[in-house]
Amino acid sequence: MTLFPPATHAECVRWTPPKKAPNAAPEFDGPGAFGVLHNTVTLDCLSYAGSIEKNGVEHVLIRDETGTVHQLRLGSYMGENNGVIMKIDAAAIHIKQLVRRNGRAEEIDVKFAKRTK
């Protein structure tokens, strides 16, 4: 698990995997292992595109910087620092992230505004 300090400025950063040998084993716990947006892009690369309800469960539609729209829900991974969607309300998506502070991992809550651009 990679821990980064919380972002203090708005900058879109996409994680680029290191080049591997052609016969190297896949990484099962790295970026992408827990969902399409797990540790692959910073929240500054993402925008809220809308919401839909499927079988009584709200799914948020999140657009990445390439224009691809992803359907996420409670428990989905989103953004950097092992971000997990913990709550969805009318105004925001609440994400729990793990960051390193003073040499220790600490949980922080991040609000991702539900407004279309």
Protein backbone atom coordinates (compact mmCIF):
# COMPACT_ATOMS: atom_id res chain seq x y z
CA MET A 1 0.00 0.00 0.00
CA THR A 2 1.39 3.37 -0.99
CA LEU A 3 0.78 6.28 1.35
CA PHE A 4 1.14 9.84 0.18
CA PRO A 5 0.69 13.12 2.04
CA PRO A 6 -2.69 14.75 1.41
CA ALA A 7 -2.78 16.90 -1.71
CA THR A 8 -2.35 20.59 -0.99
CA HIS A 9 -2.75 21.81 -4.55
CA ALA A 10 -4.95 20.96 -7.50
CA GLU A 11 -3.02 18.89 -9.99
CA CYS A 12 -4.14 15.92 -12.03
CA VAL A 13 -1.65 13.05 -11.65
CA ARG A 14 -2.13 9.61 -13.16
CA TRP A 15 -0.09 6.75 -11.73
CA THR A 16 2.12 5.14 -14.34
CA PRO A 17 3.20 1.58 -13.62
CA PRO A 18 6.92 0.87 -13.88
CA LYS A 19 8.08 -1.09 -16.91
CA LYS A 20 8.33 -4.80 -16.21
CA ALA A 21 10.15 -7.66 -17.78
CA PRO A 22 7.97 -9.45 -20.36
CA ASN A 23 7.63 -12.57 -18.17
CA ALA A 24 7.13 -10.76 -14.84
CA ALA A 25 4.25 -11.87 -12.63
CA PRO A 26 1.29 -9.45 -12.36
CA GLU A 27 0.89 -7.31 -9.26
CA PHE A 28 -2.26 -8.41 -7.47
CA ASP A 29 -2.25 -5.74 -4.77
CA GLY A 30 -1.14 -2.72 -6.77
CA PRO A 31 -3.09 0.04 -8.44
CA GLY A 32 -6.16 -1.30 -10.19
CA ALA A 33 -6.32 -4.43 -8.04
CA PHE A 34 -9.28 -3.14 -6.02
CA GLY A 35 -11.21 -1.27 -8.69
CA VAL A 36 -10.69 0.79 -11.79
CA LEU A 37 -9.89 4.00 -9.90
CA HIS A 38 -7.86 2.54 -7.02
CA ASN A 39 -4.66 4.61 -6.73
CA THR A 40 -4.64 5.32 -10.46
CA VAL A 41 -5.54 9.01 -10.49
CA THR A 42 -5.70 11.86 -8.03
CA LEU A 43 -9.11 13.30 -7.24
CA ASP A 44 -8.13 16.39 -9.26
CA CYS A 45 -8.35 14.19 -12.39
CA LEU A 46 -11.97 13.29 -11.65
CA SER A 47 -15.29 15.05 -11.97
CA TYR A 48 -18.82 14.20 -10.88
CA ALA A 49 -21.00 13.38 -13.91
CA GLY A 50 -24.24 12.33 -12.19
CA SER A 51 -25.95 9.58 -10.21
CA ILE A 52 -28.12 6.60 -11.04
CA GLU A 53 -29.99 4.12 -8.88
CA LYS A 54 -29.66 0.39 -9.51
CA ASN A 55 -31.63 -2.07 -7.37
CA GLY A 56 -32.12 0.58 -4.70
CA VAL A 57 -28.41 1.44 -4.49
CA GLU A 58 -27.07 4.85 -5.54
CA HIS A 59 -24.20 4.74 -8.00
CA VAL A 60 -22.23 7.88 -8.76
CA LEU A 61 -20.93 8.47 -12.25
CA ILE A 62 -17.34 9.73 -12.15
CA ARG A 63 -15.53 11.00 -15.25
CA ASP A 64 -11.75 10.71 -15.39
CA GLU A 65 -9.43 13.03 -17.31
CA THR A 66 -9.65 10.84 -20.43
CA GLY A 67 -13.45 11.23 -20.57
CA THR A 68 -14.19 7.68 -19.41
CA VAL A 69 -17.18 7.47 -17.04
CA HIS A 70 -17.00 4.98 -14.14
CA GLN A 71 -19.91 3.76 -11.97
CA LEU A 72 -18.96 3.71 -8.29
CA ARG A 73 -20.90 3.10 -5.07
CA LEU A 74 -20.35 2.79 -1.34
CA GLY A 75 -17.21 0.76 -0.72
CA SER A 76 -15.71 1.48 -4.16
CA TYR A 77 -12.12 2.65 -4.33
CA MET A 78 -11.66 6.17 -5.68
CA GLY A 79 -8.54 8.28 -6.07
CA GLU A 80 -5.23 8.18 -4.30
CA ASN A 81 -4.17 6.96 -0.85
CA ASN A 82 -6.39 3.88 -0.92
CA GLY A 83 -9.45 6.14 -1.02
CA VAL A 84 -12.73 4.33 -0.28
CA ILE A 85 -16.21 5.82 -0.69
CA MET A 86 -17.75 5.79 2.79
CA LYS A 87 -20.86 7.95 2.26
CA ILE A 88 -22.77 9.58 -0.58
CA ASP A 89 -25.08 12.49 0.20
CA ALA A 90 -26.79 15.22 -1.82
CA ALA A 91 -23.75 17.52 -1.84
CA ALA A 92 -20.67 15.29 -1.72
CA ILE A 93 -19.00 11.91 -1.94
CA HIS A 94 -17.16 11.23 1.34
CA ILE A 95 -13.89 9.35 0.89
CA LYS A 96 -11.64 7.83 3.56
CA GLN A 97 -7.93 7.99 2.68
CA LEU A 98 -4.78 6.75 4.39
CA VAL A 99 -1.93 9.27 4.57
CA ARG A 100 1.48 9.23 6.23
CA ARG A 101 1.97 11.85 8.95
CA ASN A 102 4.89 11.87 11.33
CA GLY A 103 5.89 8.40 10.14
CA ARG A 104 2.47 6.87 10.87
CA ALA A 105 -0.53 5.99 8.73
CA GLU A 106 -3.55 8.13 9.54
CA GLU A 107 -7.10 8.06 8.16
CA ILE A 108 -8.47 11.32 6.82
CA ASP A 109 -11.89 12.13 5.40
CA VAL A 110 -12.08 13.93 2.07
CA LYS A 111 -15.22 15.46 0.57
CA PHE A 112 -15.55 15.25 -3.22
CA ALA A 113 -18.17 17.77 -4.33
CA LYS A 114 -21.13 16.49 -6.34
CA ARG A 115 -21.33 19.28 -8.86
CA THR A 116 -21.06 19.02 -12.58
CA LYS A 117 -18.56 21.17 -14.44
